[in-house]
């Protein structure tokens, strides 16, 4: 999967069923020694903000359960069956 394919996917927490946000221009953290993806940054949309975003949540790669066509499903505690 290319990084550009993550753009515009909605991020859903499967434990609570809550929508955390939609990935825009995706930013990631990568371990340069191993090339492994560490986490992705998800803009959150909770509350009111003058610029439409109220913050950013770092989502650890271990929390991601599934990446589908339109959604990224994750578990809050990272305990997912792959």
C-alpha atoms as a PDB file:
ATOM      1  CA  UNK A   1       0.000   0.000   0.000  1.00  0.00           C
ATOM      2  CA  UNK A   2       1.233   3.467  -0.836  1.00  0.00           C
ATOM      3  CA  UNK A   3       1.101   6.291   1.666  1.00  0.00           C
ATOM      4  CA  UNK A   4      -1.072   8.311  -0.725  1.00  0.00           C
ATOM      5  CA  UNK A   5      -3.744   5.582  -0.519  1.00  0.00           C
ATOM      6  CA  UNK A   6      -4.370   6.427   3.159  1.00  0.00           C
ATOM      7  CA  UNK A   7      -5.565   9.932   2.242  1.00  0.00           C
ATOM      8  CA  UNK A   8      -9.274  10.636   2.911  1.00  0.00           C
ATOM      9  CA  UNK A   9      -9.869   7.376   4.794  1.00  0.00           C
ATOM     10  CA  UNK A  10     -11.994   7.668   7.931  1.00  0.00           C
ATOM     11  CA  UNK A  11     -10.476   6.352  11.154  1.00  0.00           C
ATOM     12  CA  UNK A  12     -12.891   4.388  13.368  1.00  0.00           C
ATOM     13  CA  UNK A  13     -12.223   3.024  16.864  1.00  0.00           C
ATOM     14  CA  UNK A  14     -13.737  -0.499  16.876  1.00  0.00           C
ATOM     15  CA  UNK A  15     -13.948  -0.567  20.688  1.00  0.00           C
ATOM     16  CA  UNK A  16     -16.227   2.470  20.985  1.00  0.00           C
ATOM     17  CA  UNK A  17     -17.537   2.759  17.421  1.00  0.00           C
ATOM     18  CA  UNK A  18     -16.457   6.420  17.406  1.00  0.00           C
ATOM     19  CA  UNK A  19     -15.171   8.207  14.337  1.00  0.00           C
ATOM     20  CA  UNK A  20     -11.804   9.743  15.237  1.00  0.00           C
ATOM     21  CA  UNK A  21     -11.295  11.733  12.052  1.00  0.00           C
ATOM     22  CA  UNK A  22     -10.346  11.571   8.422  1.00  0.00           C
ATOM     23  CA  UNK A  23      -6.784  11.339   7.213  1.00  0.00           C
ATOM     24  CA  UNK A  24      -5.862  14.281   5.023  1.00  0.00           C
ATOM     25  CA  UNK A  25      -2.317  14.783   3.918  1.00  0.00           C
ATOM     26  CA  UNK A  26      -0.922  11.840   5.814  1.00  0.00           C
ATOM     27  CA  UNK A  27       2.062  12.225   8.072  1.00  0.00           C
ATOM     28  CA  UNK A  28       3.786   9.186   9.488  1.00  0.00           C
ATOM     29  CA  UNK A  29       6.681   8.306  11.769  1.00  0.00           C
ATOM     30  CA  UNK A  30       9.087   5.720  10.386  1.00  0.00           C
ATOM     31  CA  UNK A  31      11.949   3.902  12.113  1.00  0.00           C
ATOM     32  CA  UNK A  32      14.825   4.772   9.799  1.00  0.00           C
ATOM     33  CA  UNK A  33      16.933   1.787  10.818  1.00  0.00           C
ATOM     34  CA  UNK A  34      14.291  -0.850  10.053  1.00  0.00           C
ATOM     35  CA  UNK A  35      12.033   1.073   7.648  1.00  0.00           C
ATOM     36  CA  UNK A  36       9.061   0.086   9.829  1.00  0.00           C
ATOM     37  CA  UNK A  37       6.051   2.384  10.161  1.00  0.00           C
ATOM     38  CA  UNK A  38       5.659   3.472  13.796  1.00  0.00           C
ATOM     39  CA  UNK A  39       2.512   5.622  13.761  1.00  0.00           C
ATOM     40  CA  UNK A  40       0.262   7.836  11.671  1.00  0.00           C
ATOM     41  CA  UNK A  41      -1.123  11.247  12.590  1.00  0.00           C
ATOM     42  CA  UNK A  42      -4.911  11.561  12.489  1.00  0.00           C
ATOM     43  CA  UNK A  43      -6.532  15.023  12.649  1.00  0.00           C
ATOM     44  CA  UNK A  44      -9.326  14.908  15.230  1.00  0.00           C
ATOM     45  CA  UNK A  45     -12.591  16.729  14.684  1.00  0.00           C
ATOM     46  CA  UNK A  46     -13.919  16.933  18.255  1.00  0.00           C
ATOM     47  CA  UNK A  47     -15.199  20.279  19.428  1.00  0.00           C
ATOM     48  CA  UNK A  48     -15.074  23.655  17.747  1.00  0.00           C
ATOM     49  CA  UNK A  49     -12.055  25.094  15.997  1.00  0.00           C
ATOM     50  CA  UNK A  50     -11.650  28.162  13.820  1.00  0.00           C
ATOM     51  CA  UNK A  51      -9.618  26.189  11.325  1.00  0.00           C
ATOM     52  CA  UNK A  52     -11.777  23.054  11.241  1.00  0.00           C
ATOM     53  CA  UNK A  53      -9.363  20.834  13.180  1.00  0.00           C
ATOM     54  CA  UNK A  54      -9.041  20.701  16.920  1.00  0.00           C
ATOM     55  CA  UNK A  55      -5.961  18.526  17.223  1.00  0.00           C
ATOM     56  CA  UNK A  56      -3.937  15.566  16.097  1.00  0.00           C
ATOM     57  CA  UNK A  57      -3.894  12.066  17.534  1.00  0.00           C
ATOM     58  CA  UNK A  58      -0.930   9.765  17.032  1.00  0.00           C
ATOM     59  CA  UNK A  59      -2.132   6.273  16.150  1.00  0.00           C
ATOM     60  CA  UNK A  60       0.422   3.521  16.781  1.00  0.00           C
ATOM     61  CA  UNK A  61       0.712   0.978  13.987  1.00  0.00           C
ATOM     62  CA  UNK A  62      -0.004  -1.819  16.487  1.00  0.00           C
ATOM     63  CA  UNK A  63      -3.484  -0.334  17.091  1.00  0.00           C
ATOM     64  CA  UNK A  64      -4.530  -0.681  13.441  1.00  0.00           C
ATOM     65  CA  UNK A  65      -6.823  -3.658  12.924  1.00  0.00           C
ATOM     66  CA  UNK A  66      -7.706  -3.308   9.233  1.00  0.00           C
ATOM     67  CA  UNK A  67      -7.254  -0.875   6.373  1.00  0.00           C
ATOM     68  CA  UNK A  68     -10.175  -1.030   3.966  1.00  0.00           C
ATOM     69  CA  UNK A  69     -11.194   0.933   0.884  1.00  0.00           C
ATOM     70  CA  UNK A  70     -12.801   3.768   2.859  1.00  0.00           C
ATOM     71  CA  UNK A  71     -11.945   3.155   6.516  1.00  0.00           C
ATOM     72  CA  UNK A  72      -9.094   2.424   8.884  1.00  0.00           C
ATOM     73  CA  UNK A  73     -10.297   0.367  11.846  1.00  0.00           C
ATOM     74  CA  UNK A  74      -8.285   0.486  15.050  1.00  0.00           C
ATOM     75  CA  UNK A  75      -8.471  -0.725  18.611  1.00  0.00           C
ATOM     76  CA  UNK A  76      -7.866   1.724  21.447  1.00  0.00           C
ATOM     77  CA  UNK A  77      -5.772  -0.710  23.470  1.00  0.00           C
ATOM     78  CA  UNK A  78      -3.844  -2.240  20.580  1.00  0.00           C
ATOM     79  CA  UNK A  79      -5.219  -5.722  21.331  1.00  0.00           C
ATOM     80  CA  UNK A  80      -6.362  -6.780  17.870  1.00  0.00           C
ATOM     81  CA  UNK A  81      -6.543 -10.137  16.132  1.00  0.00           C
ATOM     82  CA  UNK A  82      -4.870  -9.905  12.758  1.00  0.00           C
END
